[in-house]
Amino acid sequence: MTTANNLAVLPGYPPVEGDHLIVWRGPAGFGVAWSDVYRVVLDAGPYSSGELVLNLVMHDYPLTNPDVQEDPSGEFDGSNLWMPWATRDAGPGVITLVRAGEIVHDGPGHGRLPEIWSDVAAARAALPDPLEGGSGW
């Protein structure tokens, strides 16, 4: 098994509760790159799996093209953790994993967070963190 296919050897894998997973996307059919930001949360509730899943926090998909009928962001919302790491359309090469505010896996290798990260930080500041006894976001 190659390193690219062996997720266990990737830095920070598997994600843990509270991590943020950023999936970087190529141009959305009209030359604009965008990203999804997910938070790793415990799937809780009466019909839950009790496992860690991804929860879409926000995205910067540009809705400026009138030919686009469907917003493709949030593809992995509610998915198990391995889904974006192992799918053909995503994979470790386009994923950034952030743990406690630090990049622990930088698949694209650009060493930066998306521009919307400041919005994520603002959302975290505005609502109590469920991992610290808050109601969640």
C-alpha atoms as a PDB file:
ATOM      1  CA  MET A   1       0.000   0.000   0.000  1.00  0.00           C
ATOM      2  CA  THR A   2       1.408   3.401  -0.934  1.00  0.00           C
ATOM      3  CA  THR A   3       1.545   6.321   1.474  1.00  0.00           C
ATOM      4  CA  ALA A   4      -1.122   8.093  -0.582  1.00  0.00           C
ATOM      5  CA  ASN A   5      -3.499   5.173   0.021  1.00  0.00           C
ATOM      6  CA  ASN A   6      -2.475   4.468   3.624  1.00  0.00           C
ATOM      7  CA  LEU A   7      -4.321   7.151   5.567  1.00  0.00           C
ATOM      8  CA  ALA A   8      -2.955   5.929   8.896  1.00  0.00           C
ATOM      9  CA  VAL A   9       0.491   7.359   8.097  1.00  0.00           C
ATOM     10  CA  LEU A  10      -0.776  10.859   7.339  1.00  0.00           C
ATOM     11  CA  PRO A  11      -0.104  13.554   9.956  1.00  0.00           C
ATOM     12  CA  GLY A  12      -3.087  14.065  12.231  1.00  0.00           C
ATOM     13  CA  TYR A  13      -5.104  11.141  10.876  1.00  0.00           C
ATOM     14  CA  PRO A  14      -7.614  10.190  12.058  1.00  0.00           C
ATOM     15  CA  PRO A  15      -9.279  13.477  12.950  1.00  0.00           C
ATOM     16  CA  VAL A  16     -10.526  13.855  16.513  1.00  0.00           C
ATOM     17  CA  GLU A  17     -13.546  15.664  17.931  1.00  0.00           C
ATOM     18  CA  GLY A  18     -13.076  19.414  17.601  1.00  0.00           C
ATOM     19  CA  ASP A  19     -10.755  19.272  14.575  1.00  0.00           C
ATOM     20  CA  HIS A  20     -11.561  21.212  11.429  1.00  0.00           C
ATOM     21  CA  LEU A  21     -11.226  19.582   8.038  1.00  0.00           C
ATOM     22  CA  ILE A  22     -10.887  21.861   5.011  1.00  0.00           C
ATOM     23  CA  VAL A  23     -11.534  20.417   1.569  1.00  0.00           C
ATOM     24  CA  TRP A  24      -9.999  22.604  -1.134  1.00  0.00           C
ATOM     25  CA  ARG A  25     -11.824  22.547  -4.449  1.00  0.00           C
ATOM     26  CA  GLY A  26     -10.616  23.439  -7.909  1.00  0.00           C
ATOM     27  CA  PRO A  27     -12.265  25.986 -10.146  1.00  0.00           C
ATOM     28  CA  ALA A  28     -16.023  25.579  -9.967  1.00  0.00           C
ATOM     29  CA  GLY A  29     -16.601  25.486 -13.703  1.00  0.00           C
ATOM     30  CA  PHE A  30     -15.800  29.146 -14.107  1.00  0.00           C
ATOM     31  CA  GLY A  31     -12.272  29.624 -12.853  1.00  0.00           C
ATOM     32  CA  VAL A  32     -12.801  30.192  -9.126  1.00  0.00           C
ATOM     33  CA  ALA A  33     -11.323  27.936  -6.456  1.00  0.00           C
ATOM     34  CA  TRP A  34     -13.277  27.454  -3.231  1.00  0.00           C
ATOM     35  CA  SER A  35     -13.278  25.436  -0.019  1.00  0.00           C
ATOM     36  CA  ASP A  36     -15.540  23.701   2.492  1.00  0.00           C
ATOM     37  CA  VAL A  37     -14.797  23.861   6.230  1.00  0.00           C
ATOM     38  CA  TYR A  38     -16.088  20.989   8.360  1.00  0.00           C
ATOM     39  CA  ARG A  39     -15.906  20.454  12.107  1.00  0.00           C
ATOM     40  CA  VAL A  40     -15.476  16.966  13.532  1.00  0.00           C
ATOM     41  CA  VAL A  41     -18.359  16.358  15.950  1.00  0.00           C
ATOM     42  CA  LEU A  42     -19.925  13.467  17.810  1.00  0.00           C
ATOM     43  CA  ASP A  43     -23.072  12.308  16.024  1.00  0.00           C
ATOM     44  CA  ALA A  44     -25.567  12.588  18.867  1.00  0.00           C
ATOM     45  CA  GLY A  45     -29.329  12.345  19.094  1.00  0.00           C
ATOM     46  CA  PRO A  46     -32.032   9.695  19.084  1.00  0.00           C
ATOM     47  CA  TYR A  47     -31.145   8.325  15.628  1.00  0.00           C
ATOM     48  CA  SER A  48     -27.413   8.939  15.712  1.00  0.00           C
ATOM     49  CA  SER A  49     -24.585   6.549  15.013  1.00  0.00           C
ATOM     50  CA  GLY A  50     -22.635   7.651  18.102  1.00  0.00           C
ATOM     51  CA  GLU A  51     -19.566   8.060  15.860  1.00  0.00           C
ATOM     52  CA  LEU A  52     -17.549  11.092  14.892  1.00  0.00           C
ATOM     53  CA  VAL A  53     -18.892  12.764  11.751  1.00  0.00           C
ATOM     54  CA  LEU A  54     -18.263  15.897   9.727  1.00  0.00           C
ATOM     55  CA  ASN A  55     -20.466  18.948  10.164  1.00  0.00           C
ATOM     56  CA  LEU A  56     -20.276  21.684   7.502  1.00  0.00           C
ATOM     57  CA  VAL A  57     -19.384  24.954   9.217  1.00  0.00           C
ATOM     58  CA  MET A  58     -19.117  27.155   6.143  1.00  0.00           C
ATOM     59  CA  HIS A  59     -17.908  27.369   2.581  1.00  0.00           C
ATOM     60  CA  ASP A  60     -16.923  30.009   0.082  1.00  0.00           C
ATOM     61  CA  TYR A  61     -18.517  28.494  -3.005  1.00  0.00           C
ATOM     62  CA  PRO A  62     -19.167  31.365  -5.429  1.00  0.00           C
ATOM     63  CA  LEU A  63     -22.812  31.527  -6.438  1.00  0.00           C
ATOM     64  CA  THR A  64     -22.163  34.010  -9.223  1.00  0.00           C
ATOM     65  CA  ASN A  65     -22.643  31.734 -12.213  1.00  0.00           C
ATOM     66  CA  PRO A  66     -26.269  31.683 -13.436  1.00  0.00           C
ATOM     67  CA  ASP A  67     -25.643  28.306 -15.122  1.00  0.00           C
ATOM     68  CA  VAL A  68     -24.942  26.603 -11.810  1.00  0.00           C
ATOM     69  CA  GLN A  69     -28.165  24.955 -10.656  1.00  0.00           C
ATOM     70  CA  GLU A  70     -26.907  23.344  -7.478  1.00  0.00           C
ATOM     71  CA  ASP A  71     -24.486  24.439  -4.791  1.00  0.00           C
ATOM     72  CA  PRO A  72     -22.026  21.496  -4.513  1.00  0.00           C
ATOM     73  CA  SER A  73     -20.669  22.524  -1.116  1.00  0.00           C
ATOM     74  CA  GLY A  74     -21.343  20.388   1.918  1.00  0.00           C
ATOM     75  CA  GLU A  75     -20.821  17.115   0.080  1.00  0.00           C
ATOM     76  CA  PHE A  76     -19.419  15.444   3.202  1.00  0.00           C
ATOM     77  CA  ASP A  77     -21.821  16.941   5.777  1.00  0.00           C
ATOM     78  CA  GLY A  78     -22.832  14.144   8.150  1.00  0.00           C
ATOM     79  CA  SER A  79     -20.307  11.727   6.610  1.00  0.00           C
ATOM     80  CA  ASN A  80     -17.972   9.457   8.491  1.00  0.00           C
ATOM     81  CA  LEU A  81     -14.432  10.791   8.845  1.00  0.00           C
ATOM     82  CA  TRP A  82     -12.835   8.597   6.193  1.00  0.00           C
ATOM     83  CA  MET A  83     -15.125   9.757   3.372  1.00  0.00           C
ATOM     84  CA  PRO A  84     -13.291  12.902   2.188  1.00  0.00           C
ATOM     85  CA  TRP A  85      -9.877  11.357   2.812  1.00  0.00           C
ATOM     86  CA  ALA A  86     -10.570   8.371   0.594  1.00  0.00           C
ATOM     87  CA  THR A  87     -12.859   9.606  -2.185  1.00  0.00           C
ATOM     88  CA  ARG A  88     -11.706  10.185  -5.716  1.00  0.00           C
ATOM     89  CA  ASP A  89     -12.937  13.804  -5.741  1.00  0.00           C
ATOM     90  CA  ALA A  90     -11.184  14.749  -2.518  1.00  0.00           C
ATOM     91  CA  GLY A  91      -8.382  12.720  -0.934  1.00  0.00           C
ATOM     92  CA  PRO A  92      -5.438  13.631   1.291  1.00  0.00           C
ATOM     93  CA  GLY A  93      -3.892  15.882  -1.378  1.00  0.00           C
ATOM     94  CA  VAL A  94      -6.684  18.465  -1.151  1.00  0.00           C
ATOM     95  CA  ILE A  95      -7.370  18.313   2.589  1.00  0.00           C
ATOM     96  CA  THR A  96      -6.051  20.536   5.351  1.00  0.00           C
ATOM     97  CA  LEU A  97      -6.573  19.279   8.900  1.00  0.00           C
ATOM     98  CA  VAL A  98      -6.566  21.889  11.666  1.00  0.00           C
ATOM     99  CA  ARG A  99      -6.256  20.819  15.296  1.00  0.00           C
ATOM    100  CA  ALA A 100      -6.358  23.397  18.089  1.00  0.00           C
ATOM    101  CA  GLY A 101      -5.795  26.163  15.545  1.00  0.00           C
ATOM    102  CA  GLU A 102      -2.682  24.568  14.050  1.00  0.00           C
ATOM    103  CA  ILE A 103      -2.367  22.918  10.638  1.00  0.00           C
ATOM    104  CA  VAL A 104      -1.417  19.271  11.222  1.00  0.00           C
ATOM    105  CA  HIS A 105      -1.940  18.042   7.658  1.00  0.00           C
ATOM    106  CA  ASP A 106      -1.492  20.343   4.678  1.00  0.00           C
ATOM    107  CA  GLY A 107      -2.384  18.214   1.672  1.00  0.00           C
ATOM    108  CA  PRO A 108      -2.321  21.045  -0.869  1.00  0.00           C
ATOM    109  CA  GLY A 109       0.972  22.281   0.574  1.00  0.00           C
ATOM    110  CA  HIS A 110       0.139  25.963   0.494  1.00  0.00           C
ATOM    111  CA  GLY A 111       0.566  26.412   4.244  1.00  0.00           C
ATOM    112  CA  ARG A 112      -2.452  28.645   4.631  1.00  0.00           C
ATOM    113  CA  LEU A 113      -6.057  28.569   5.684  1.00  0.00           C
ATOM    114  CA  PRO A 114      -8.885  29.720   3.408  1.00  0.00           C
ATOM    115  CA  GLU A 115      -9.973  33.344   3.528  1.00  0.00           C
ATOM    116  CA  ILE A 116     -13.200  32.285   5.229  1.00  0.00           C
ATOM    117  CA  TRP A 117     -11.196  30.992   8.208  1.00  0.00           C
ATOM    118  CA  SER A 118     -11.609  34.361   9.911  1.00  0.00           C
ATOM    119  CA  ASP A 119     -15.386  33.801   9.651  1.00  0.00           C
ATOM    120  CA  VAL A 120     -14.946  30.384  11.273  1.00  0.00           C
ATOM    121  CA  ALA A 121     -12.936  31.977  14.078  1.00  0.00           C
ATOM    122  CA  ALA A 122     -15.624  34.637  14.543  1.00  0.00           C
ATOM    123  CA  ALA A 123     -18.333  31.967  14.724  1.00  0.00           C
ATOM    124  CA  ARG A 124     -16.357  30.085  17.367  1.00  0.00           C
ATOM    125  CA  ALA A 125     -15.937  33.258  19.407  1.00  0.00           C
ATOM    126  CA  ALA A 126     -19.648  34.076  19.213  1.00  0.00           C
ATOM    127  CA  LEU A 127     -20.970  30.678  20.347  1.00  0.00           C
ATOM    128  CA  PRO A 128     -19.863  28.451  23.212  1.00  0.00           C
ATOM    129  CA  ASP A 129     -17.757  25.500  22.142  1.00  0.00           C
ATOM    130  CA  PRO A 130     -19.583  22.205  22.824  1.00  0.00           C
ATOM    131  CA  LEU A 131     -16.289  20.604  23.771  1.00  0.00           C
ATOM    132  CA  GLU A 132     -16.007  23.107  26.603  1.00  0.00           C
ATOM    133  CA  GLY A 133     -19.511  22.629  27.954  1.00  0.00           C
ATOM    134  CA  GLY A 134     -21.291  25.006  25.567  1.00  0.00           C
ATOM    135  CA  SER A 135     -24.339  24.340  23.462  1.00  0.00           C
ATOM    136  CA  GLY A 136     -22.399  24.028  20.218  1.00  0.00           C
ATOM    137  CA  TRP A 137     -22.176  25.554  16.786  1.00  0.00           C
END
